[in-house]
C-alpha atoms as a PDB file:
ATOM      1  CA  UNK A   1       0.000   0.000   0.000  1.00  0.00           C
ATOM      2  CA  UNK A   2       1.313   3.493  -0.845  1.00  0.00           C
ATOM      3  CA  UNK A   3       1.190   4.788   2.731  1.00  0.00           C
ATOM      4  CA  UNK A   4       3.737   2.126   3.702  1.00  0.00           C
ATOM      5  CA  UNK A   5       6.253   3.276   1.079  1.00  0.00           C
ATOM      6  CA  UNK A   6       8.848   5.755   2.268  1.00  0.00           C
ATOM      7  CA  UNK A   7       8.339   7.965  -0.806  1.00  0.00           C
ATOM      8  CA  UNK A   8       4.713   8.829   0.012  1.00  0.00           C
ATOM      9  CA  UNK A   9       4.245  10.798   3.241  1.00  0.00           C
ATOM     10  CA  UNK A  10       4.268  14.242   4.877  1.00  0.00           C
ATOM     11  CA  UNK A  11       7.520  16.104   5.564  1.00  0.00           C
ATOM     12  CA  UNK A  12       7.048  18.816   8.187  1.00  0.00           C
ATOM     13  CA  UNK A  13       8.930  21.486  10.088  1.00  0.00           C
ATOM     14  CA  UNK A  14       8.023  23.788  12.980  1.00  0.00           C
ATOM     15  CA  UNK A  15       9.415  27.144  13.991  1.00  0.00           C
ATOM     16  CA  UNK A  16       8.774  27.751  17.682  1.00  0.00           C
ATOM     17  CA  UNK A  17       9.169  30.210  20.564  1.00  0.00           C
ATOM     18  CA  UNK A  18      11.769  27.943  22.197  1.00  0.00           C
ATOM     19  CA  UNK A  19      12.946  24.386  22.653  1.00  0.00           C
ATOM     20  CA  UNK A  20      10.302  22.705  24.791  1.00  0.00           C
ATOM     21  CA  UNK A  21       6.507  22.692  24.899  1.00  0.00           C
ATOM     22  CA  UNK A  22       6.868  21.322  28.446  1.00  0.00           C
ATOM     23  CA  UNK A  23       8.368  24.709  29.374  1.00  0.00           C
ATOM     24  CA  UNK A  24       5.466  26.583  27.801  1.00  0.00           C
ATOM     25  CA  UNK A  25       6.937  27.079  24.337  1.00  0.00           C
ATOM     26  CA  UNK A  26       4.544  27.200  21.395  1.00  0.00           C
ATOM     27  CA  UNK A  27       4.693  26.752  17.638  1.00  0.00           C
ATOM     28  CA  UNK A  28       4.814  29.973  15.578  1.00  0.00           C
ATOM     29  CA  UNK A  29       5.012  28.499  12.075  1.00  0.00           C
ATOM     30  CA  UNK A  30       4.423  25.172  10.404  1.00  0.00           C
ATOM     31  CA  UNK A  31       5.485  24.165   6.933  1.00  0.00           C
ATOM     32  CA  UNK A  32       4.865  20.811   5.299  1.00  0.00           C
ATOM     33  CA  UNK A  33       4.942  19.103   1.929  1.00  0.00           C
ATOM     34  CA  UNK A  34       3.104  16.017   0.803  1.00  0.00           C
ATOM     35  CA  UNK A  35       5.201  13.520  -1.139  1.00  0.00           C
ATOM     36  CA  UNK A  36       3.531  11.033  -3.455  1.00  0.00           C
ATOM     37  CA  UNK A  37       5.898   8.609  -5.163  1.00  0.00           C
ATOM     38  CA  UNK A  38       8.760  10.990  -4.466  1.00  0.00           C
ATOM     39  CA  UNK A  39       7.136  14.111  -5.902  1.00  0.00           C
ATOM     40  CA  UNK A  40       5.939  17.152  -3.944  1.00  0.00           C
ATOM     41  CA  UNK A  41       2.241  17.325  -4.780  1.00  0.00           C
ATOM     42  CA  UNK A  42       0.929  19.664  -2.066  1.00  0.00           C
ATOM     43  CA  UNK A  43       2.252  22.270   0.363  1.00  0.00           C
ATOM     44  CA  UNK A  44       1.026  23.657   3.693  1.00  0.00           C
ATOM     45  CA  UNK A  45       2.428  26.770   5.339  1.00  0.00           C
ATOM     46  CA  UNK A  46       1.052  29.049   8.032  1.00  0.00           C
ATOM     47  CA  UNK A  47       2.259  31.416  10.710  1.00  0.00           C
ATOM     48  CA  UNK A  48       0.381  31.042  13.988  1.00  0.00           C
ATOM     49  CA  UNK A  49      -0.115  33.397  16.881  1.00  0.00           C
ATOM     50  CA  UNK A  50       1.111  31.729  20.118  1.00  0.00           C
ATOM     51  CA  UNK A  51      -0.625  34.286  22.327  1.00  0.00           C
ATOM     52  CA  UNK A  52       2.620  35.704  23.661  1.00  0.00           C
ATOM     53  CA  UNK A  53       5.599  37.653  22.376  1.00  0.00           C
ATOM     54  CA  UNK A  54       8.641  35.920  20.962  1.00  0.00           C
ATOM     55  CA  UNK A  55      12.092  37.045  22.058  1.00  0.00           C
ATOM     56  CA  UNK A  56      14.605  38.850  19.872  1.00  0.00           C
ATOM     57  CA  UNK A  57      16.749  35.729  19.405  1.00  0.00           C
ATOM     58  CA  UNK A  58      13.849  33.856  17.802  1.00  0.00           C
ATOM     59  CA  UNK A  59      12.943  36.909  15.702  1.00  0.00           C
ATOM     60  CA  UNK A  60      16.507  37.117  14.385  1.00  0.00           C
ATOM     61  CA  UNK A  61      16.924  33.355  13.983  1.00  0.00           C
ATOM     62  CA  UNK A  62      13.714  32.796  12.030  1.00  0.00           C
ATOM     63  CA  UNK A  63      12.948  36.215  10.583  1.00  0.00           C
ATOM     64  CA  UNK A  64       9.461  35.859  12.086  1.00  0.00           C
ATOM     65  CA  UNK A  65       8.593  39.037  13.979  1.00  0.00           C
ATOM     66  CA  UNK A  66       6.008  39.760  16.646  1.00  0.00           C
ATOM     67  CA  UNK A  67       4.333  42.092  14.168  1.00  0.00           C
ATOM     68  CA  UNK A  68       3.937  39.222  11.675  1.00  0.00           C
ATOM     69  CA  UNK A  69       2.529  36.952  14.372  1.00  0.00           C
ATOM     70  CA  UNK A  70       0.064  39.564  15.603  1.00  0.00           C
ATOM     71  CA  UNK A  71      -1.738  39.240  12.271  1.00  0.00           C
ATOM     72  CA  UNK A  72      -1.623  35.432  12.183  1.00  0.00           C
ATOM     73  CA  UNK A  73      -4.416  33.020  13.087  1.00  0.00           C
ATOM     74  CA  UNK A  74      -4.161  31.422  16.555  1.00  0.00           C
ATOM     75  CA  UNK A  75      -2.323  28.120  16.947  1.00  0.00           C
ATOM     76  CA  UNK A  76      -5.531  26.146  17.537  1.00  0.00           C
ATOM     77  CA  UNK A  77      -7.047  27.274  14.241  1.00  0.00           C
ATOM     78  CA  UNK A  78      -3.919  26.524  12.212  1.00  0.00           C
ATOM     79  CA  UNK A  79      -3.424  23.125  13.825  1.00  0.00           C
ATOM     80  CA  UNK A  80      -7.014  22.122  13.017  1.00  0.00           C
ATOM     81  CA  UNK A  81      -6.234  22.882   9.377  1.00  0.00           C
ATOM     82  CA  UNK A  82      -2.951  20.999   9.525  1.00  0.00           C
ATOM     83  CA  UNK A  83      -4.541  17.935  11.167  1.00  0.00           C
ATOM     84  CA  UNK A  84      -6.943  17.789   8.213  1.00  0.00           C
ATOM     85  CA  UNK A  85      -4.042  18.200   5.752  1.00  0.00           C
ATOM     86  CA  UNK A  86      -1.991  15.494   7.452  1.00  0.00           C
ATOM     87  CA  UNK A  87      -4.710  12.852   7.652  1.00  0.00           C
ATOM     88  CA  UNK A  88      -3.282   9.413   8.391  1.00  0.00           C
ATOM     89  CA  UNK A  89       0.004   9.924   6.530  1.00  0.00           C
ATOM     90  CA  UNK A  90       3.351   8.886   7.940  1.00  0.00           C
ATOM     91  CA  UNK A  91       5.634  11.767   8.867  1.00  0.00           C
ATOM     92  CA  UNK A  92       9.243  12.842   8.435  1.00  0.00           C
ATOM     93  CA  UNK A  93      11.176  15.689  10.040  1.00  0.00           C
ATOM     94  CA  UNK A  94      14.844  16.562  10.442  1.00  0.00           C
ATOM     95  CA  UNK A  95      15.496  15.998  14.141  1.00  0.00           C
ATOM     96  CA  UNK A  96      12.012  14.533  14.403  1.00  0.00           C
ATOM     97  CA  UNK A  97      11.986  14.291  18.199  1.00  0.00           C
ATOM     98  CA  UNK A  98      11.796  18.111  18.332  1.00  0.00           C
ATOM     99  CA  UNK A  99       8.993  18.453  15.780  1.00  0.00           C
ATOM    100  CA  UNK A 100       7.073  15.503  17.226  1.00  0.00           C
ATOM    101  CA  UNK A 101       7.061  17.120  20.681  1.00  0.00           C
ATOM    102  CA  UNK A 102       5.485  20.271  19.281  1.00  0.00           C
ATOM    103  CA  UNK A 103       3.066  18.408  17.011  1.00  0.00           C
ATOM    104  CA  UNK A 104       1.925  16.262  19.946  1.00  0.00           C
ATOM    105  CA  UNK A 105       1.581  19.268  22.265  1.00  0.00           C
ATOM    106  CA  UNK A 106      -0.332  21.451  19.807  1.00  0.00           C
ATOM    107  CA  UNK A 107      -2.671  18.659  18.695  1.00  0.00           C
ATOM    108  CA  UNK A 108      -3.267  17.653  22.317  1.00  0.00           C
ATOM    109  CA  UNK A 109      -4.535  21.186  22.992  1.00  0.00           C
ATOM    110  CA  UNK A 110      -7.259  20.732  20.366  1.00  0.00           C
ATOM    111  CA  UNK A 111      -7.896  17.037  21.121  1.00  0.00           C
ATOM    112  CA  UNK A 112      -6.903  15.888  17.630  1.00  0.00           C
ATOM    113  CA  UNK A 113      -5.158  12.487  17.623  1.00  0.00           C
ATOM    114  CA  UNK A 114      -3.172  11.287  14.617  1.00  0.00           C
ATOM    115  CA  UNK A 115      -2.281   7.827  13.370  1.00  0.00           C
ATOM    116  CA  UNK A 116       0.863   8.395  11.297  1.00  0.00           C
ATOM    117  CA  UNK A 117       4.277   7.436  12.634  1.00  0.00           C
ATOM    118  CA  UNK A 118       7.503   9.448  12.439  1.00  0.00           C
ATOM    119  CA  UNK A 119      10.844   8.834  10.834  1.00  0.00           C
ATOM    120  CA  UNK A 120      13.827  11.124  11.411  1.00  0.00           C
ATOM    121  CA  UNK A 121      15.910  12.220   8.432  1.00  0.00           C
ATOM    122  CA  UNK A 122      18.710  13.273  10.819  1.00  0.00           C
ATOM    123  CA  UNK A 123      19.050   9.781  12.303  1.00  0.00           C
ATOM    124  CA  UNK A 124      18.941   8.175   8.851  1.00  0.00           C
ATOM    125  CA  UNK A 125      21.564  10.594   7.519  1.00  0.00           C
ATOM    126  CA  UNK A 126      23.898   9.807  10.439  1.00  0.00           C
ATOM    127  CA  UNK A 127      23.871   6.180   9.329  1.00  0.00           C
ATOM    128  CA  UNK A 128      24.007   6.660   5.563  1.00  0.00           C
ATOM    129  CA  UNK A 129      26.487   9.540   5.442  1.00  0.00           C
ATOM    130  CA  UNK A 130      28.946   8.736   8.181  1.00  0.00           C
ATOM    131  CA  UNK A 131      31.694  10.781   6.511  1.00  0.00           C
ATOM    132  CA  UNK A 132      29.610  13.985   6.249  1.00  0.00           C
ATOM    133  CA  UNK A 133      31.160  16.927   8.167  1.00  0.00           C
ATOM    134  CA  UNK A 134      28.032  17.105  10.323  1.00  0.00           C
ATOM    135  CA  UNK A 135      24.377  16.218   9.972  1.00  0.00           C
ATOM    136  CA  UNK A 136      22.685  19.598  10.143  1.00  0.00           C
ATOM    137  CA  UNK A 137      20.140  20.035   7.379  1.00  0.00           C
ATOM    138  CA  UNK A 138      22.051  22.835   5.628  1.00  0.00           C
ATOM    139  CA  UNK A 139      25.316  20.868   5.727  1.00  0.00           C
ATOM    140  CA  UNK A 140      23.707  17.738   4.300  1.00  0.00           C
ATOM    141  CA  UNK A 141      22.110  19.737   1.480  1.00  0.00           C
ATOM    142  CA  UNK A 142      25.615  20.939   0.513  1.00  0.00           C
ATOM    143  CA  UNK A 143      27.103  17.459   1.032  1.00  0.00           C
ATOM    144  CA  UNK A 144      24.577  15.940  -1.393  1.00  0.00           C
ATOM    145  CA  UNK A 145      24.833  18.832  -3.883  1.00  0.00           C
ATOM    146  CA  UNK A 146      21.119  19.637  -3.594  1.00  0.00           C
ATOM    147  CA  UNK A 147      20.216  23.121  -4.890  1.00  0.00           C
ATOM    148  CA  UNK A 148      18.806  25.308  -2.104  1.00  0.00           C
ATOM    149  CA  UNK A 149      17.494  28.656  -3.389  1.00  0.00           C
ATOM    150  CA  UNK A 150      16.084  30.168  -0.208  1.00  0.00           C
ATOM    151  CA  UNK A 151      16.609  30.738   3.494  1.00  0.00           C
ATOM    152  CA  UNK A 152      16.839  28.044   6.151  1.00  0.00           C
ATOM    153  CA  UNK A 153      14.906  28.435   9.424  1.00  0.00           C
ATOM    154  CA  UNK A 154      11.599  29.101   7.706  1.00  0.00           C
ATOM    155  CA  UNK A 155       9.282  26.161   8.024  1.00  0.00           C
ATOM    156  CA  UNK A 156       8.166  25.579   4.428  1.00  0.00           C
ATOM    157  CA  UNK A 157      11.663  25.977   2.976  1.00  0.00           C
ATOM    158  CA  UNK A 158      13.128  23.617   5.580  1.00  0.00           C
ATOM    159  CA  UNK A 159      10.423  21.022   4.919  1.00  0.00           C
ATOM    160  CA  UNK A 160      11.048  21.246   1.162  1.00  0.00           C
ATOM    161  CA  UNK A 161      14.801  20.830   1.668  1.00  0.00           C
ATOM    162  CA  UNK A 162      14.208  17.920   4.049  1.00  0.00           C
ATOM    163  CA  UNK A 163      11.977  16.319   1.404  1.00  0.00           C
ATOM    164  CA  UNK A 164      14.739  16.649  -1.219  1.00  0.00           C
ATOM    165  CA  UNK A 165      17.299  15.190   1.190  1.00  0.00           C
ATOM    166  CA  UNK A 166      14.842  12.393   2.053  1.00  0.00           C
ATOM    167  CA  UNK A 167      14.445  11.435  -1.603  1.00  0.00           C
ATOM    168  CA  UNK A 168      18.229  11.493  -2.101  1.00  0.00           C
ATOM    169  CA  UNK A 169      18.576   9.118   0.850  1.00  0.00           C
ATOM    170  CA  UNK A 170      15.883   6.795  -0.519  1.00  0.00           C
ATOM    171  CA  UNK A 171      17.708   6.682  -3.849  1.00  0.00           C
ATOM    172  CA  UNK A 172      20.967   5.830  -2.093  1.00  0.00           C
ATOM    173  CA  UNK A 173      19.239   3.088  -0.097  1.00  0.00           C
ATOM    174  CA  UNK A 174      17.618   1.715  -3.267  1.00  0.00           C
ATOM    175  CA  UNK A 175      21.067   1.542  -4.908  1.00  0.00           C
ATOM    176  CA  UNK A 176      22.333  -0.591  -2.015  1.00  0.00           C
ATOM    177  CA  UNK A 177      19.329  -2.915  -2.068  1.00  0.00           C
ATOM    178  CA  UNK A 178      17.154  -4.444  -4.751  1.00  0.00           C
ATOM    179  CA  UNK A 179      14.057  -2.692  -3.442  1.00  0.00           C
ATOM    180  CA  UNK A 180      12.757  -0.140  -5.911  1.00  0.00           C
ATOM    181  CA  UNK A 181      10.128   1.055  -3.423  1.00  0.00           C
ATOM    182  CA  UNK A 182      11.867   1.424  -0.080  1.00  0.00           C
ATOM    183  CA  UNK A 183       9.480   0.463   2.757  1.00  0.00           C
ATOM    184  CA  UNK A 184       8.871   3.016   5.512  1.00  0.00           C
ATOM    185  CA  UNK A 185       9.471   0.243   8.051  1.00  0.00           C
ATOM    186  CA  UNK A 186      13.003  -0.294   6.683  1.00  0.00           C
ATOM    187  CA  UNK A 187      13.792   3.403   7.161  1.00  0.00           C
ATOM    188  CA  UNK A 188      12.568   3.275  10.751  1.00  0.00           C
ATOM    189  CA  UNK A 189      14.708   0.189  11.379  1.00  0.00           C
ATOM    190  CA  UNK A 190      17.725   1.809   9.747  1.00  0.00           C
ATOM    191  CA  UNK A 191      17.433   4.889  11.975  1.00  0.00           C
ATOM    192  CA  UNK A 192      17.856   2.670  15.052  1.00  0.00           C
ATOM    193  CA  UNK A 193      20.625   0.458  13.650  1.00  0.00           C
ATOM    194  CA  UNK A 194      24.171   0.885  15.049  1.00  0.00           C
ATOM    195  CA  UNK A 195      26.362   2.661  12.506  1.00  0.00           C
ATOM    196  CA  UNK A 196      28.697  -0.311  12.120  1.00  0.00           C
ATOM    197  CA  UNK A 197      25.742  -2.578  11.254  1.00  0.00           C
ATOM    198  CA  UNK A 198      24.207  -0.432   8.521  1.00  0.00           C
ATOM    199  CA  UNK A 199      25.956  -2.178   5.621  1.00  0.00           C
ATOM    200  CA  UNK A 200      24.873  -5.570   6.926  1.00  0.00           C
ATOM    201  CA  UNK A 201      21.252  -4.419   7.258  1.00  0.00           C
ATOM    202  CA  UNK A 202      21.112  -3.040   3.714  1.00  0.00           C
ATOM    203  CA  UNK A 203      22.956  -6.052   2.275  1.00  0.00           C
ATOM    204  CA  UNK A 204      20.334  -8.330   3.824  1.00  0.00           C
ATOM    205  CA  UNK A 205      17.685  -6.481   1.803  1.00  0.00           C
ATOM    206  CA  UNK A 206      19.552  -7.024  -1.497  1.00  0.00           C
END
């Protein structure tokens, strides 16, 4: 079924007021793309008003100002729209533990459960590209020679770049195995595999 293939899912990214929803931080922007058979077929982007001011570090880091947020819809409204967009799709984010925390926290506020499961492009990249200088999104985009006309730290751009990196990784995995359609379950397994066992795992799928 398509939803079990790693090339058909939602890639998402949050910009936030800080690092932890447990400390009261909120989402201020969400960007996402829907991949179907490796192609971006739909995009979702929205600023959201967290109901409090963001500090100057976040303004400078993201380029999202308090003035911009004052005109944005509240988080609850945006997250209702995103929950509808997401449906039951599986999900990918770069450093997914961060984005999952905010997705869980914001959807919990509006009592919207979701059924998709996450994979982390950062964890996969650490296993596939062990000789990369580091595994930040921007560095990996350069490492894989992926064109990046835009600015990082805005949610839609980051989700689009993560999607391009994701597809590059799927192609590299497909080259090491005989599986034309890489299963989502294999990616999840790979992300938890010790680095020195990656070659053995992929060889077993050949």
